[in-house]
Amino acid sequence: MTSEALGSRRDALSASDTTGSAGGSAAAGGTGGVVTQRRRKGPPVVSQLLLTLALLLFLAPLAWMVLSSLKSAGEIFTTPPKLFGESLLFSNYSDALDFLPFGRFMINTAFVAVTGTVITLVTSALSAYAFARLRFKGRDSLFLVYLGTLMVPQEVVVVPMFLIMNQLGWINTFQALILPWAFTAFGTFLLRQFFLTIPKELEESARIDGAGHWRILTQIIVPIAAPAFAVLAVFTFITYWNSFLWPLIVTNDVSTTTVPLGLNLFLGQNGQAWNLLMAAATISMAPTALLVLLLQRYLVKGIALSGLGGR
């Protein structure tokens, strides 16, 4: 290789190092060389260990619940604690269903969660479309006020909401469990963020073809925004499924009792059936876990694109 070729190559390496595109791996050499900085990377094993430790910490209560559901009542609080009992009592699960009408509680909760999720998706999609695609006076100010309702804690609004439900005669009814929480600013915000990322050229093309707002929303925007709808569906379903305070206030009959209230009944006048409580809690966790697993692919994509990923 000639000296001219070497000089040209050195100049190219120097320019590459200056812009940092070479990742700092080349060292400067010769006269007039540029000092490069080697990118320091932490050992990946440390981050893997930290993530594994965090995972174990989160899974520890879940593992304790499942293992306790297979023990007898007297083996749960032994000292020192044991992971397993003398035998695995799978019959605790059938006993839990017989101890209380827990199957009815599961059906009630599933109906409330599914219906509430569907209504929330519809109302959130309509309001998000209005705030993202329609132009009217005071739109942005109204949206900020709507978002401000997220700052109001649930405990503050339950009393006036209970008075309204009582005036309507909805105590011990499913509409009282579903409708007050089916209009959420969070869902509107989540879908609006995703709707804003959809090019307006699609909407304009649809308008040229004669499509109205309803057709644009249902046939163009909703299919594209499927990941965002999946995120909202999972969050809403889990919220309805795990809700405790509001069902405790507006229901006092077994015909409308939900799972969180039913779990509380395992400890009380019916006795202290901790092993059956753990079995019932494991059963109640299954629907939400299954939903997350089924929509996992859409969840990751939706969180990254809809604004929850820090955009």
Protein backbone atom coordinates (compact mmCIF):
# COMPACT_ATOMS: atom_id res chain seq x y z
CA MET A 1 0.00 0.00 0.00
CA THR A 2 1.47 3.34 -0.98
CA SER A 3 2.05 6.26 1.35
CA GLU A 4 -0.69 8.25 -0.39
CA ALA A 5 -3.17 5.47 0.18
CA LEU A 6 -2.20 5.25 3.85
CA GLY A 7 -2.67 9.00 4.22
CA SER A 8 -6.12 8.85 2.66
CA ARG A 9 -7.16 6.02 4.92
CA ARG A 10 -5.92 7.84 8.02
CA ASP A 11 -7.85 10.93 7.05
CA ALA A 12 -10.97 8.84 6.62
CA LEU A 13 -10.51 7.22 10.05
CA SER A 14 -9.95 10.61 11.65
CA ALA A 15 -13.15 11.99 10.15
CA SER A 16 -15.06 8.94 11.26
CA ASP A 17 -13.74 9.22 14.81
CA THR A 18 -14.62 12.92 14.95
CA THR A 19 -18.27 12.24 14.24
CA GLY A 20 -18.32 9.31 16.61
CA SER A 21 -19.74 6.97 14.04
CA ALA A 22 -17.01 4.45 14.57
CA GLY A 23 -18.11 3.96 18.19
CA GLY A 24 -14.75 5.06 19.53
CA SER A 25 -13.04 1.80 18.70
CA ALA A 26 -10.27 3.15 16.50
CA ALA A 27 -7.27 4.73 18.09
CA ALA A 28 -5.67 7.82 16.76
CA GLY A 29 -2.23 7.29 15.35
CA GLY A 30 0.43 9.05 13.44
CA THR A 31 0.90 12.76 13.25
CA GLY A 32 -2.19 14.85 13.80
CA GLY A 33 -4.25 11.89 14.98
CA VAL A 34 -7.60 12.44 16.64
CA VAL A 35 -8.07 11.12 20.18
CA THR A 36 -11.09 8.91 20.27
CA GLN A 37 -13.17 8.04 23.27
CA ARG A 38 -14.03 4.45 23.86
CA ARG A 39 -17.64 3.96 24.73
CA ARG A 40 -17.89 2.40 28.13
CA LYS A 41 -20.45 -0.27 28.47
CA GLY A 42 -21.42 -1.86 31.72
CA PRO A 43 -21.18 -5.61 31.87
CA PRO A 44 -24.54 -7.06 30.74
CA VAL A 45 -24.41 -9.67 33.46
CA VAL A 46 -25.02 -6.99 36.11
CA SER A 47 -28.19 -5.73 34.46
CA GLN A 48 -29.36 -9.30 33.96
CA LEU A 49 -28.85 -10.04 37.65
CA LEU A 50 -30.72 -6.90 38.69
CA LEU A 51 -33.62 -7.73 36.39
CA THR A 52 -33.71 -11.30 37.67
CA LEU A 53 -33.71 -10.07 41.27
CA ALA A 54 -36.55 -7.63 40.55
CA LEU A 55 -38.51 -10.41 38.82
CA LEU A 56 -38.09 -12.73 41.81
CA LEU A 57 -39.24 -10.00 44.18
CA PHE A 58 -42.41 -9.45 42.15
CA LEU A 59 -43.08 -13.17 41.78
CA ALA A 60 -42.49 -14.04 45.45
CA PRO A 61 -46.00 -13.05 46.70
CA LEU A 62 -47.60 -14.83 43.75
CA ALA A 63 -45.61 -18.01 44.42
CA TRP A 64 -46.48 -17.86 48.12
CA MET A 65 -50.18 -17.54 47.25
CA VAL A 66 -50.14 -20.51 44.89
CA LEU A 67 -48.15 -22.72 47.27
CA SER A 68 -50.38 -21.77 50.19
CA SER A 69 -53.45 -22.74 48.17
CA LEU A 70 -52.16 -26.34 48.22
CA LYS A 71 -51.64 -26.55 51.99
CA SER A 72 -53.98 -27.32 54.84
CA ALA A 73 -55.23 -24.40 56.92
CA GLY A 74 -52.85 -25.17 59.78
CA GLU A 75 -49.73 -25.34 57.60
CA ILE A 76 -49.89 -21.82 56.16
CA PHE A 77 -48.56 -19.91 59.19
CA THR A 78 -46.12 -22.47 60.58
CA THR A 79 -42.84 -21.35 62.17
CA PRO A 80 -40.41 -21.58 60.47
CA PRO A 81 -42.41 -21.18 57.25
CA LYS A 82 -42.35 -24.04 54.75
CA LEU A 83 -42.76 -23.86 51.01
CA PHE A 84 -44.76 -27.07 50.78
CA GLY A 85 -47.16 -28.83 53.11
CA GLU A 86 -47.10 -32.52 53.94
CA SER A 87 -49.24 -33.13 50.85
CA LEU A 88 -50.50 -31.10 47.92
CA LEU A 89 -54.21 -30.50 48.55
CA PHE A 90 -55.65 -29.76 45.11
CA SER A 91 -59.06 -30.34 46.66
CA ASN A 92 -58.79 -26.84 48.16
CA TYR A 93 -59.87 -25.45 44.80
CA SER A 94 -63.10 -27.44 44.69
CA ASP A 95 -63.68 -26.73 48.38
CA ALA A 96 -63.30 -23.01 47.72
CA LEU A 97 -66.04 -23.17 45.10
CA ASP A 98 -68.30 -25.02 47.56
CA PHE A 99 -67.48 -22.85 50.59
CA LEU A 100 -69.15 -19.84 48.95
CA PRO A 101 -70.97 -19.32 45.64
CA PHE A 102 -67.64 -18.28 44.19
CA GLY A 103 -68.61 -19.39 40.70
CA ARG A 104 -71.47 -16.87 40.80
CA PHE A 105 -69.02 -14.20 41.92
CA MET A 106 -66.78 -15.02 38.94
CA ILE A 107 -69.70 -14.79 36.51
CA ASN A 108 -70.83 -11.46 37.98
CA THR A 109 -67.33 -10.02 37.75
CA ALA A 110 -66.82 -11.30 34.20
CA PHE A 111 -70.08 -9.71 33.09
CA VAL A 112 -69.22 -6.40 34.74
CA ALA A 113 -65.64 -6.39 33.42
CA VAL A 114 -66.49 -7.38 29.83
CA THR A 115 -69.47 -5.04 29.53
CA GLY A 116 -67.62 -2.16 31.15
CA THR A 117 -64.63 -2.69 28.88
CA VAL A 118 -66.75 -2.68 25.72
CA ILE A 119 -68.60 0.49 26.74
CA THR A 120 -65.35 2.18 27.72
CA LEU A 121 -63.77 1.36 24.36
CA VAL A 122 -66.76 2.81 22.50
CA THR A 123 -67.03 6.01 24.54
CA SER A 124 -63.27 6.56 24.54
CA ALA A 125 -63.03 6.06 20.78
CA LEU A 126 -65.80 8.58 20.11
CA SER A 127 -64.38 11.24 22.42
CA ALA A 128 -60.81 10.64 21.25
CA TYR A 129 -61.88 11.05 17.62
CA ALA A 130 -63.59 14.33 18.47
CA PHE A 131 -60.53 15.71 20.27
CA ALA A 132 -58.09 14.45 17.64
CA ARG A 133 -59.88 14.96 14.33
CA LEU A 134 -62.69 17.49 14.71
CA ARG A 135 -62.12 21.21 14.83
CA PHE A 136 -64.35 23.28 17.10
CA LYS A 137 -63.89 26.29 19.30
CA GLY A 138 -62.36 25.58 22.69
CA ARG A 139 -61.40 22.03 21.80
CA ASP A 140 -57.97 22.09 23.41
CA SER A 141 -59.20 23.90 26.54
CA LEU A 142 -62.04 21.43 26.93
CA PHE A 143 -59.60 18.54 26.55
CA LEU A 144 -57.37 19.95 29.30
CA VAL A 145 -60.37 20.27 31.61
CA TYR A 146 -61.35 16.70 30.77
CA LEU A 147 -57.83 15.52 31.58
CA GLY A 148 -58.04 17.38 34.87
CA THR A 149 -60.65 14.91 36.06
CA LEU A 150 -57.84 12.35 36.31
CA MET A 151 -56.52 14.35 39.27
CA VAL A 152 -59.69 13.70 41.30
CA PRO A 153 -59.31 10.60 43.52
CA GLN A 154 -61.98 7.95 43.43
CA GLU A 155 -62.62 8.34 47.16
CA VAL A 156 -63.76 11.93 46.59
CA VAL A 157 -66.48 11.13 44.07
CA VAL A 158 -67.93 7.94 45.55
CA VAL A 159 -70.27 9.78 47.94
CA PRO A 160 -72.02 11.98 45.32
CA MET A 161 -72.06 9.03 42.94
CA PHE A 162 -73.69 6.83 45.56
CA LEU A 163 -76.37 9.49 46.13
CA ILE A 164 -77.02 9.59 42.39
CA MET A 165 -77.25 5.80 42.19
CA ASN A 166 -79.63 5.79 45.15
CA GLN A 167 -81.86 8.43 43.54
CA LEU A 168 -81.96 6.36 40.35
CA GLY A 169 -82.79 3.20 42.29
CA TRP A 170 -79.70 1.43 40.98
CA ILE A 171 -78.38 0.04 44.28
CA ASN A 172 -77.58 -3.69 43.88
CA THR A 173 -77.70 -3.46 40.10
CA PHE A 174 -75.09 -4.13 37.43
CA GLN A 175 -75.58 -0.73 35.80
CA ALA A 176 -74.42 0.86 39.03
CA LEU A 177 -71.23 -1.22 38.86
CA ILE A 178 -70.56 -0.51 35.19
CA LEU A 179 -71.76 2.88 33.98
CA PRO A 180 -70.14 5.32 36.46
CA TRP A 181 -66.66 4.20 35.35
CA ALA A 182 -67.33 3.69 31.64
CA PHE A 183 -66.50 7.30 30.73
CA THR A 184 -62.84 7.75 31.45
CA ALA A 185 -60.47 10.56 30.55
CA PHE A 186 -57.59 8.10 30.57
CA GLY A 187 -59.08 6.12 27.70
CA THR A 188 -59.76 9.30 25.75
CA PHE A 189 -56.20 10.50 26.27
CA LEU A 190 -54.70 7.14 25.33
CA LEU A 191 -56.63 6.78 22.07
CA ARG A 192 -56.27 10.46 21.15
CA GLN A 193 -52.49 10.17 21.34
CA PHE A 194 -52.62 7.26 18.91
CA PHE A 195 -55.16 8.91 16.59
CA LEU A 196 -52.88 11.93 16.24
CA THR A 197 -50.14 9.74 14.78
CA ILE A 198 -52.37 8.54 11.91
CA PRO A 199 -51.67 10.59 8.74
CA LYS A 200 -54.42 12.98 7.80
CA GLU A 201 -53.95 11.99 4.17
CA LEU A 202 -55.85 8.79 4.90
CA GLU A 203 -58.78 10.77 6.24
CA GLU A 204 -58.69 13.19 3.31
CA SER A 205 -58.65 10.31 0.83
CA ALA A 206 -61.64 8.78 2.54
CA ARG A 207 -63.49 12.09 2.38
CA ILE A 208 -62.84 12.29 -1.36
CA ASP A 209 -64.47 8.87 -1.64
CA GLY A 210 -67.49 10.20 0.21
CA ALA A 211 -66.85 8.73 3.68
CA GLY A 212 -68.28 10.47 6.72
CA HIS A 213 -66.93 10.70 10.25
CA TRP A 214 -68.49 7.42 11.37
CA ARG A 215 -67.07 5.48 8.43
CA ILE A 216 -63.62 7.05 8.82
CA LEU A 217 -63.60 6.12 12.50
CA THR A 218 -64.86 2.56 12.19
CA GLN A 219 -63.26 1.48 8.91
CA ILE A 220 -59.98 3.40 8.88
CA ILE A 221 -58.88 4.62 12.30
CA VAL A 222 -60.09 1.79 14.52
CA PRO A 223 -58.31 -1.00 12.54
CA ILE A 224 -55.06 0.98 12.51
CA ALA A 225 -55.33 1.75 16.23
CA ALA A 226 -55.82 -1.89 17.27
CA PRO A 227 -52.72 -1.91 19.55
CA ALA A 228 -53.99 1.14 21.45
CA PHE A 229 -57.42 -0.45 21.85
CA ALA A 230 -55.74 -3.60 23.17
CA VAL A 231 -53.88 -1.59 25.81
CA LEU A 232 -57.02 0.21 26.89
CA ALA A 233 -59.01 -3.04 26.93
CA VAL A 234 -56.52 -4.77 29.22
CA PHE A 235 -56.20 -1.83 31.61
CA THR A 236 -59.97 -1.35 31.78
CA PHE A 237 -60.71 -5.05 32.25
CA ILE A 238 -58.21 -5.33 35.10
CA THR A 239 -59.59 -2.18 36.73
CA TYR A 240 -63.14 -3.51 36.67
CA TRP A 241 -62.03 -6.97 37.76
CA ASN A 242 -60.06 -5.76 40.78
CA SER A 243 -62.41 -2.96 41.84
CA PHE A 244 -63.27 -3.27 45.52
CA LEU A 245 -64.37 0.07 46.99
CA TRP A 246 -67.22 0.93 44.60
CA PRO A 247 -68.80 -2.59 44.60
CA LEU A 248 -68.54 -2.56 48.39
CA ILE A 249 -70.59 0.66 48.50
CA VAL A 250 -73.32 -0.03 45.94
CA THR A 251 -73.91 -3.77 46.43
CA ASN A 252 -74.96 -5.78 49.44
CA ASP A 253 -76.57 -8.77 47.77
CA VAL A 254 -74.97 -12.00 46.63
CA SER A 255 -76.63 -11.70 43.22
CA THR A 256 -74.35 -8.76 42.35
CA THR A 257 -71.31 -9.56 44.50
CA THR A 258 -68.01 -9.46 42.64
CA VAL A 259 -64.80 -11.43 43.19
CA PRO A 260 -62.94 -8.93 45.42
CA LEU A 261 -65.91 -8.80 47.79
CA GLY A 262 -66.28 -12.56 47.61
CA LEU A 263 -62.66 -13.08 48.62
CA ASN A 264 -63.27 -10.97 51.69
CA LEU A 265 -66.09 -13.32 52.72
CA PHE A 266 -63.61 -16.19 53.25
CA LEU A 267 -62.52 -14.34 56.40
CA GLY A 268 -65.35 -13.41 58.68
CA GLN A 269 -68.55 -14.97 59.87
CA ASN A 270 -67.88 -18.03 57.71
CA GLY A 271 -64.55 -18.72 59.43
CA GLN A 272 -60.85 -18.16 58.75
CA ALA A 273 -60.32 -20.35 55.67
CA TRP A 274 -56.93 -19.05 54.61
CA ASN A 275 -56.12 -22.02 52.39
CA LEU A 276 -59.45 -21.71 50.58
CA LEU A 277 -58.91 -17.96 50.30
CA MET A 278 -55.55 -18.58 48.59
CA ALA A 279 -57.18 -21.10 46.23
CA ALA A 280 -59.97 -18.67 45.35
CA ALA A 281 -57.45 -15.85 44.81
CA THR A 282 -55.49 -18.09 42.43
CA ILE A 283 -58.66 -18.86 40.49
CA SER A 284 -59.63 -15.20 40.32
CA MET A 285 -56.23 -14.28 38.89
CA ALA A 286 -56.54 -16.62 35.92
CA PRO A 287 -58.78 -14.47 33.62
CA THR A 288 -56.64 -11.36 33.86
CA ALA A 289 -53.42 -13.33 33.36
CA LEU A 290 -54.91 -15.09 30.33
CA LEU A 291 -56.03 -11.78 28.82
CA VAL A 292 -52.57 -10.25 29.22
CA LEU A 293 -50.93 -13.29 27.64
CA LEU A 294 -53.30 -13.26 24.67
CA LEU A 295 -52.82 -9.54 24.01
CA GLN A 296 -49.15 -9.34 24.94
CA ARG A 297 -48.00 -8.58 21.40
CA TYR A 298 -50.49 -5.74 21.01
CA LEU A 299 -49.74 -4.46 24.50
CA VAL A 300 -46.05 -3.89 23.80
CA LYS A 301 -46.74 -2.18 20.50
CA GLY A 302 -49.59 -0.11 21.84
CA ILE A 303 -47.72 1.15 24.89
CA ALA A 304 -44.78 2.14 22.69
CA LEU A 305 -46.90 4.03 20.14
CA SER A 306 -49.77 5.54 22.10
CA GLY A 307 -47.85 7.86 24.39
CA LEU A 308 -47.38 5.66 27.47
CA GLY A 309 -43.86 4.93 26.30
CA GLY A 310 -42.73 8.46 27.08
CA ARG A 311 -43.61 10.17 23.81
